[in-house]
Amino acid sequence: MHFLGLAGMPRRIPDFPDSFNQWNTVASVGSIITLISTVFFGYIIFNTLVSNKRAGYNNWRYCTNFVFT
């Protein structure tokens, strides 16, 4: 949307000229990706709250917060 504004597309119009079609397609694909990731995140949160599984003590095995010298 930023690049559409820089290209001179006016705001709040129901139709746009064909010269802005590429950037509108990019913006539409970006919004679809955002929607899919938000739904996936909601599924993960819901699944975490509903399931009775407990996480292990250290699922990352050797990754800790300590710095070894």
N, C-alpha and C. Protein backbone atom coordinates (compact mmCIF):
# COMPACT_ATOMS: atom_id res chain seq x y z
N MET A 1 0.82 -1.18 0.00
CA MET A 1 0.00 0.00 0.00
C MET A 1 0.87 1.26 0.00
N HIS A 2 2.03 1.15 0.61
CA HIS A 2 2.94 2.30 0.63
C HIS A 2 3.38 2.65 -0.79
N PHE A 3 3.73 1.62 -1.56
CA PHE A 3 4.18 1.87 -2.93
C PHE A 3 3.04 2.35 -3.82
N LEU A 4 1.82 1.93 -3.53
CA LEU A 4 0.68 2.45 -4.28
C LEU A 4 0.52 3.94 -4.04
N GLY A 5 0.68 4.36 -2.81
CA GLY A 5 0.59 5.78 -2.49
C GLY A 5 1.71 6.58 -3.14
N LEU A 6 2.91 5.99 -3.13
CA LEU A 6 4.03 6.67 -3.77
C LEU A 6 3.83 6.78 -5.28
N ALA A 7 3.15 5.81 -5.86
CA ALA A 7 2.91 5.83 -7.30
C ALA A 7 1.79 6.81 -7.67
N GLY A 8 1.08 7.33 -6.67
CA GLY A 8 0.06 8.34 -6.94
C GLY A 8 -1.37 7.86 -6.93
N MET A 9 -1.62 6.67 -6.41
CA MET A 9 -3.00 6.18 -6.36
C MET A 9 -3.78 6.95 -5.31
N PRO A 10 -4.91 7.53 -5.70
CA PRO A 10 -5.74 8.25 -4.72
C PRO A 10 -6.40 7.27 -3.74
N ARG A 11 -6.67 7.75 -2.53
CA ARG A 11 -7.27 6.90 -1.51
C ARG A 11 -8.79 6.99 -1.58
N ARG A 12 -9.42 5.96 -1.03
CA ARG A 12 -10.87 5.88 -0.86
C ARG A 12 -11.63 6.03 -2.17
N ILE A 13 -11.20 5.29 -3.17
CA ILE A 13 -11.94 5.25 -4.43
C ILE A 13 -12.37 3.81 -4.67
N PRO A 14 -13.55 3.59 -5.25
CA PRO A 14 -14.04 2.22 -5.42
C PRO A 14 -13.33 1.47 -6.54
N ASP A 15 -12.74 2.18 -7.49
CA ASP A 15 -12.07 1.55 -8.61
C ASP A 15 -10.71 2.20 -8.81
N PHE A 16 -9.77 1.47 -9.37
CA PHE A 16 -8.44 2.02 -9.56
C PHE A 16 -8.02 1.84 -11.01
N PRO A 17 -7.13 2.70 -11.49
CA PRO A 17 -6.63 2.55 -12.86
C PRO A 17 -5.81 1.27 -13.02
N ASP A 18 -5.73 0.78 -14.23
CA ASP A 18 -5.00 -0.47 -14.50
C ASP A 18 -3.50 -0.35 -14.23
N SER A 19 -2.99 0.84 -14.18
CA SER A 19 -1.55 0.99 -13.94
C SER A 19 -1.16 0.59 -12.51
N PHE A 20 -2.12 0.51 -11.61
CA PHE A 20 -1.85 0.13 -10.22
C PHE A 20 -2.17 -1.34 -9.96
N ASN A 21 -2.42 -2.11 -10.99
CA ASN A 21 -2.87 -3.49 -10.82
C ASN A 21 -1.81 -4.37 -10.16
N GLN A 22 -0.54 -4.19 -10.52
CA GLN A 22 0.52 -5.02 -9.94
C GLN A 22 0.63 -4.82 -8.44
N TRP A 23 0.67 -3.57 -8.00
CA TRP A 23 0.84 -3.33 -6.56
C TRP A 23 -0.41 -3.73 -5.78
N ASN A 24 -1.59 -3.62 -6.38
CA ASN A 24 -2.79 -4.09 -5.70
C ASN A 24 -2.79 -5.61 -5.57
N THR A 25 -2.24 -6.31 -6.56
CA THR A 25 -2.11 -7.76 -6.46
C THR A 25 -1.13 -8.14 -5.36
N VAL A 26 -0.02 -7.43 -5.26
CA VAL A 26 0.95 -7.68 -4.19
C VAL A 26 0.30 -7.44 -2.83
N ALA A 27 -0.46 -6.37 -2.70
CA ALA A 27 -1.13 -6.07 -1.42
C ALA A 27 -2.18 -7.14 -1.09
N SER A 28 -2.88 -7.64 -2.10
CA SER A 28 -3.88 -8.68 -1.86
C SER A 28 -3.23 -9.99 -1.43
N VAL A 29 -2.14 -10.37 -2.07
CA VAL A 29 -1.44 -11.59 -1.68
C VAL A 29 -0.89 -11.45 -0.25
N GLY A 30 -0.37 -10.29 0.08
CA GLY A 30 0.12 -10.06 1.44
C GLY A 30 -0.98 -10.17 2.48
N SER A 31 -2.17 -9.66 2.16
CA SER A 31 -3.27 -9.77 3.12
C SER A 31 -3.76 -11.20 3.26
N ILE A 32 -3.71 -11.98 2.19
CA ILE A 32 -4.09 -13.39 2.28
C ILE A 32 -3.09 -14.16 3.12
N ILE A 33 -1.80 -13.88 2.95
CA ILE A 33 -0.78 -14.54 3.77
C ILE A 33 -0.97 -14.17 5.24
N THR A 34 -1.29 -12.92 5.52
CA THR A 34 -1.54 -12.50 6.90
C THR A 34 -2.75 -13.21 7.48
N LEU A 35 -3.81 -13.35 6.70
CA LEU A 35 -5.01 -14.04 7.17
C LEU A 35 -4.71 -15.50 7.48
N ILE A 36 -4.00 -16.18 6.59
CA ILE A 36 -3.68 -17.59 6.81
C ILE A 36 -2.81 -17.77 8.05
N SER A 37 -1.83 -16.91 8.23
CA SER A 37 -0.96 -17.05 9.41
C SER A 37 -1.71 -16.72 10.70
N THR A 38 -2.65 -15.79 10.65
CA THR A 38 -3.44 -15.48 11.85
C THR A 38 -4.35 -16.65 12.22
N VAL A 39 -4.97 -17.28 11.23
CA VAL A 39 -5.82 -18.44 11.51
C VAL A 39 -4.98 -19.59 12.05
N PHE A 40 -3.80 -19.80 11.48
CA PHE A 40 -2.91 -20.85 11.97
C PHE A 40 -2.47 -20.58 13.40
N PHE A 41 -2.16 -19.34 13.71
CA PHE A 41 -1.78 -18.97 15.08
C PHE A 41 -2.94 -19.21 16.04
N GLY A 42 -4.15 -18.85 15.64
CA GLY A 42 -5.31 -19.10 16.47
C GLY A 42 -5.53 -20.59 16.71
N TYR A 43 -5.29 -21.40 15.68
CA TYR A 43 -5.41 -22.85 15.82
C TYR A 43 -4.39 -23.38 16.82
N ILE A 44 -3.16 -22.89 16.75
CA ILE A 44 -2.13 -23.34 17.68
C ILE A 44 -2.49 -22.96 19.11
N ILE A 45 -2.96 -21.74 19.32
CA ILE A 45 -3.36 -21.31 20.66
C ILE A 45 -4.52 -22.15 21.17
N PHE A 46 -5.54 -22.37 20.33
CA PHE A 46 -6.69 -23.17 20.72
C PHE A 46 -6.27 -24.60 21.05
N ASN A 47 -5.45 -25.18 20.20
CA ASN A 47 -5.01 -26.56 20.40
C ASN A 47 -4.17 -26.67 21.68
N THR A 48 -3.37 -25.68 21.96
CA THR A 48 -2.56 -25.69 23.18
C THR A 48 -3.43 -25.61 24.43
N LEU A 49 -4.45 -24.78 24.40
CA LEU A 49 -5.32 -24.62 25.57
C LEU A 49 -6.23 -25.81 25.79
N VAL A 50 -6.63 -26.50 24.72
CA VAL A 50 -7.58 -27.59 24.85
C VAL A 50 -6.89 -28.91 25.19
N SER A 51 -5.72 -29.15 24.64
CA SER A 51 -5.06 -30.44 24.87
C SER A 51 -4.50 -30.51 26.29
N ASN A 52 -4.32 -31.73 26.75
CA ASN A 52 -3.79 -31.93 28.09
C ASN A 52 -2.32 -32.29 28.08
N LYS A 53 -1.65 -32.13 26.95
CA LYS A 53 -0.24 -32.47 26.86
C LYS A 53 0.59 -31.43 27.60
N ARG A 54 1.62 -31.90 28.26
CA ARG A 54 2.55 -31.02 28.96
C ARG A 54 3.86 -31.01 28.19
N ALA A 55 4.47 -29.86 28.16
CA ALA A 55 5.77 -29.76 27.52
C ALA A 55 6.83 -30.36 28.43
N GLY A 56 7.86 -30.92 27.83
CA GLY A 56 8.94 -31.50 28.60
C GLY A 56 9.79 -30.43 29.25
N TYR A 57 10.74 -30.86 30.06
CA TYR A 57 11.58 -29.91 30.77
C TYR A 57 12.41 -29.07 29.81
N ASN A 58 13.08 -29.70 28.86
CA ASN A 58 13.92 -28.96 27.92
C ASN A 58 13.73 -29.57 26.54
N ASN A 59 12.75 -29.07 25.80
CA ASN A 59 12.47 -29.59 24.47
C ASN A 59 13.57 -29.26 23.48
N TRP A 60 14.36 -28.26 23.77
CA TRP A 60 15.40 -27.84 22.84
C TRP A 60 16.71 -28.58 23.10
N ARG A 61 16.72 -29.50 24.01
CA ARG A 61 17.85 -30.33 24.39
C ARG A 61 19.04 -29.51 24.87
N TYR A 62 19.94 -29.16 24.00
CA TYR A 62 21.18 -28.54 24.43
C TYR A 62 21.13 -27.01 24.40
N CYS A 63 20.06 -26.42 23.96
CA CYS A 63 19.96 -24.96 23.94
C CYS A 63 19.52 -24.47 25.32
N THR A 64 20.36 -23.70 25.95
CA THR A 64 20.02 -23.13 27.25
C THR A 64 20.35 -21.64 27.23
N ASN A 65 20.03 -20.98 28.28
CA ASN A 65 20.31 -19.55 28.37
C ASN A 65 21.70 -19.27 28.93
N PHE A 66 22.41 -20.30 29.28
CA PHE A 66 23.73 -20.12 29.88
C PHE A 66 24.79 -20.02 28.79
N VAL A 67 25.79 -19.20 29.04
CA VAL A 67 26.91 -19.07 28.12
C VAL A 67 28.07 -19.84 28.70
N PHE A 68 28.54 -20.82 27.96
CA PHE A 68 29.66 -21.63 28.41
C PHE A 68 30.93 -21.10 27.78
N THR A 69 31.96 -20.95 28.58
CA THR A 69 33.24 -20.47 28.05
C THR A 69 34.27 -21.55 28.07
